[in-house]
Amino acid sequence: MPGLFQKVQQFLRSPQGRKYADQAKRYASDPKNRAKAQDMINKFRGKGGGHGGGHR
């Protein structure tokens, strides 16, 4: 039984996976979107988001 990583690799090699990968590359090329993504990564890593605010 293939592991999760192998399943992801298989998906990314499929036509639909390539479509989503290309879409992600286009999204990542926009500086505003890169900043949003970095902000989310920092939140998950516990480094804060820099935007204040708390839980709602």
N, C-alpha and C. Protein backbone atom coordinates (compact mmCIF):
# COMPACT_ATOMS: atom_id res chain seq x y z
N MET A 1 0.85 -1.19 0.00
CA MET A 1 0.00 0.00 0.00
C MET A 1 0.89 1.24 0.00
N PRO A 2 0.68 2.12 -0.95
CA PRO A 2 1.53 3.31 -1.03
C PRO A 2 1.28 4.25 0.14
N GLY A 3 2.36 4.90 0.57
CA GLY A 3 2.25 5.88 1.64
C GLY A 3 1.67 7.19 1.13
N LEU A 4 1.46 8.08 2.04
CA LEU A 4 0.87 9.37 1.69
C LEU A 4 1.73 10.13 0.69
N PHE A 5 3.05 10.15 0.92
CA PHE A 5 3.94 10.87 0.02
C PHE A 5 3.88 10.30 -1.39
N GLN A 6 3.81 8.98 -1.50
CA GLN A 6 3.73 8.35 -2.83
C GLN A 6 2.41 8.70 -3.51
N LYS A 7 1.34 8.77 -2.73
CA LYS A 7 0.04 9.14 -3.30
C LYS A 7 0.07 10.58 -3.82
N VAL A 8 0.72 11.45 -3.07
CA VAL A 8 0.83 12.85 -3.50
C VAL A 8 1.65 12.93 -4.79
N GLN A 9 2.76 12.19 -4.85
CA GLN A 9 3.58 12.18 -6.07
C GLN A 9 2.78 11.68 -7.26
N GLN A 10 2.02 10.62 -7.07
CA GLN A 10 1.20 10.08 -8.17
C GLN A 10 0.19 11.12 -8.63
N PHE A 11 -0.43 11.81 -7.69
CA PHE A 11 -1.41 12.83 -8.05
C PHE A 11 -0.76 13.95 -8.84
N LEU A 12 0.42 14.40 -8.38
CA LEU A 12 1.08 15.51 -9.06
C LEU A 12 1.54 15.14 -10.47
N ARG A 13 1.69 13.87 -10.74
CA ARG A 13 2.06 13.42 -12.09
C ARG A 13 0.85 13.28 -13.00
N SER A 14 -0.34 13.29 -12.42
CA SER A 14 -1.55 13.16 -13.22
C SER A 14 -1.87 14.49 -13.89
N PRO A 15 -2.70 14.47 -14.95
CA PRO A 15 -3.07 15.74 -15.61
C PRO A 15 -3.73 16.73 -14.65
N GLN A 16 -4.60 16.24 -13.78
CA GLN A 16 -5.26 17.14 -12.83
C GLN A 16 -4.24 17.69 -11.82
N GLY A 17 -3.31 16.86 -11.39
CA GLY A 17 -2.28 17.30 -10.46
C GLY A 17 -1.38 18.35 -11.07
N ARG A 18 -1.01 18.15 -12.34
CA ARG A 18 -0.19 19.16 -13.03
C ARG A 18 -0.94 20.48 -13.16
N LYS A 19 -2.23 20.38 -13.40
CA LYS A 19 -3.06 21.59 -13.51
C LYS A 19 -3.01 22.38 -12.20
N TYR A 20 -3.20 21.67 -11.07
CA TYR A 20 -3.17 22.34 -9.77
C TYR A 20 -1.78 22.86 -9.44
N ALA A 21 -0.74 22.12 -9.81
CA ALA A 21 0.63 22.58 -9.56
C ALA A 21 0.92 23.86 -10.34
N ASP A 22 0.51 23.92 -11.60
CA ASP A 22 0.70 25.13 -12.40
C ASP A 22 -0.07 26.31 -11.81
N GLN A 23 -1.28 26.03 -11.35
CA GLN A 23 -2.10 27.07 -10.74
C GLN A 23 -1.42 27.59 -9.47
N ALA A 24 -0.85 26.70 -8.68
CA ALA A 24 -0.15 27.10 -7.45
C ALA A 24 1.08 27.94 -7.78
N LYS A 25 1.80 27.58 -8.85
CA LYS A 25 2.99 28.35 -9.24
C LYS A 25 2.59 29.77 -9.65
N ARG A 26 1.49 29.88 -10.40
CA ARG A 26 1.02 31.22 -10.80
C ARG A 26 0.62 32.04 -9.57
N TYR A 27 -0.08 31.40 -8.64
CA TYR A 27 -0.50 32.08 -7.42
C TYR A 27 0.71 32.53 -6.62
N ALA A 28 1.73 31.68 -6.53
CA ALA A 28 2.91 31.98 -5.74
C ALA A 28 3.77 33.06 -6.36
N SER A 29 3.63 33.29 -7.65
CA SER A 29 4.45 34.30 -8.31
C SER A 29 4.01 35.73 -7.98
N ASP A 30 2.80 35.89 -7.44
CA ASP A 30 2.30 37.21 -7.05
C ASP A 30 2.86 37.57 -5.67
N PRO A 31 3.57 38.70 -5.54
CA PRO A 31 4.17 39.08 -4.25
C PRO A 31 3.15 39.18 -3.11
N LYS A 32 1.95 39.66 -3.39
CA LYS A 32 0.94 39.77 -2.33
C LYS A 32 0.56 38.38 -1.82
N ASN A 33 0.39 37.45 -2.74
CA ASN A 33 0.03 36.09 -2.34
C ASN A 33 1.18 35.42 -1.60
N ARG A 34 2.41 35.70 -2.01
CA ARG A 34 3.57 35.14 -1.30
C ARG A 34 3.60 35.63 0.13
N ALA A 35 3.29 36.91 0.34
CA ALA A 35 3.28 37.48 1.69
C ALA A 35 2.19 36.82 2.54
N LYS A 36 1.02 36.60 1.94
CA LYS A 36 -0.06 35.93 2.66
C LYS A 36 0.35 34.52 3.07
N ALA A 37 0.97 33.81 2.14
CA ALA A 37 1.39 32.44 2.40
C ALA A 37 2.45 32.41 3.49
N GLN A 38 3.41 33.33 3.45
CA GLN A 38 4.45 33.37 4.48
C GLN A 38 3.85 33.69 5.83
N ASP A 39 2.86 34.56 5.86
CA ASP A 39 2.17 34.90 7.10
C ASP A 39 1.50 33.67 7.70
N MET A 40 0.84 32.89 6.85
CA MET A 40 0.18 31.66 7.32
C MET A 40 1.21 30.66 7.84
N ILE A 41 2.33 30.52 7.15
CA ILE A 41 3.38 29.60 7.60
C ILE A 41 3.89 30.03 8.97
N ASN A 42 4.11 31.32 9.14
CA ASN A 42 4.58 31.82 10.43
C ASN A 42 3.57 31.56 11.54
N LYS A 43 2.29 31.69 11.24
CA LYS A 43 1.26 31.42 12.25
C LYS A 43 1.30 29.96 12.66
N PHE A 44 1.43 29.06 11.69
CA PHE A 44 1.47 27.64 12.00
C PHE A 44 2.72 27.27 12.78
N ARG A 45 3.81 27.97 12.53
CA ARG A 45 5.05 27.69 13.24
C ARG A 45 5.09 28.36 14.61
N GLY A 46 4.09 29.18 14.90
CA GLY A 46 4.03 29.82 16.20
C GLY A 46 4.84 31.10 16.29
N LYS A 47 5.17 31.69 15.16
CA LYS A 47 5.94 32.92 15.16
C LYS A 47 5.03 34.15 15.07
N GLY A 48 3.76 33.96 15.21
CA GLY A 48 2.83 35.08 15.11
C GLY A 48 2.61 35.51 13.69
N GLY A 49 1.59 36.30 13.48
CA GLY A 49 1.29 36.74 12.15
C GLY A 49 1.64 38.18 11.88
N GLY A 50 1.88 38.92 12.98
CA GLY A 50 2.23 40.31 12.81
C GLY A 50 1.05 41.22 12.59
N HIS A 51 -0.17 40.69 12.68
CA HIS A 51 -1.36 41.50 12.43
C HIS A 51 -2.20 41.67 13.69
N GLY A 52 -1.68 41.30 14.85
CA GLY A 52 -2.43 41.45 16.09
C GLY A 52 -3.71 40.62 16.04
N GLY A 53 -4.70 41.07 16.78
CA GLY A 53 -5.96 40.34 16.77
C GLY A 53 -5.83 39.03 17.51
N GLY A 54 -6.94 38.55 17.99
CA GLY A 54 -6.92 37.30 18.73
C GLY A 54 -7.98 36.37 18.21
N HIS A 55 -8.38 35.50 19.08
CA HIS A 55 -9.44 34.55 18.71
C HIS A 55 -10.77 35.25 18.73
N ARG A 56 -11.65 34.82 17.86
CA ARG A 56 -12.98 35.43 17.80
C ARG A 56 -13.96 34.60 18.56
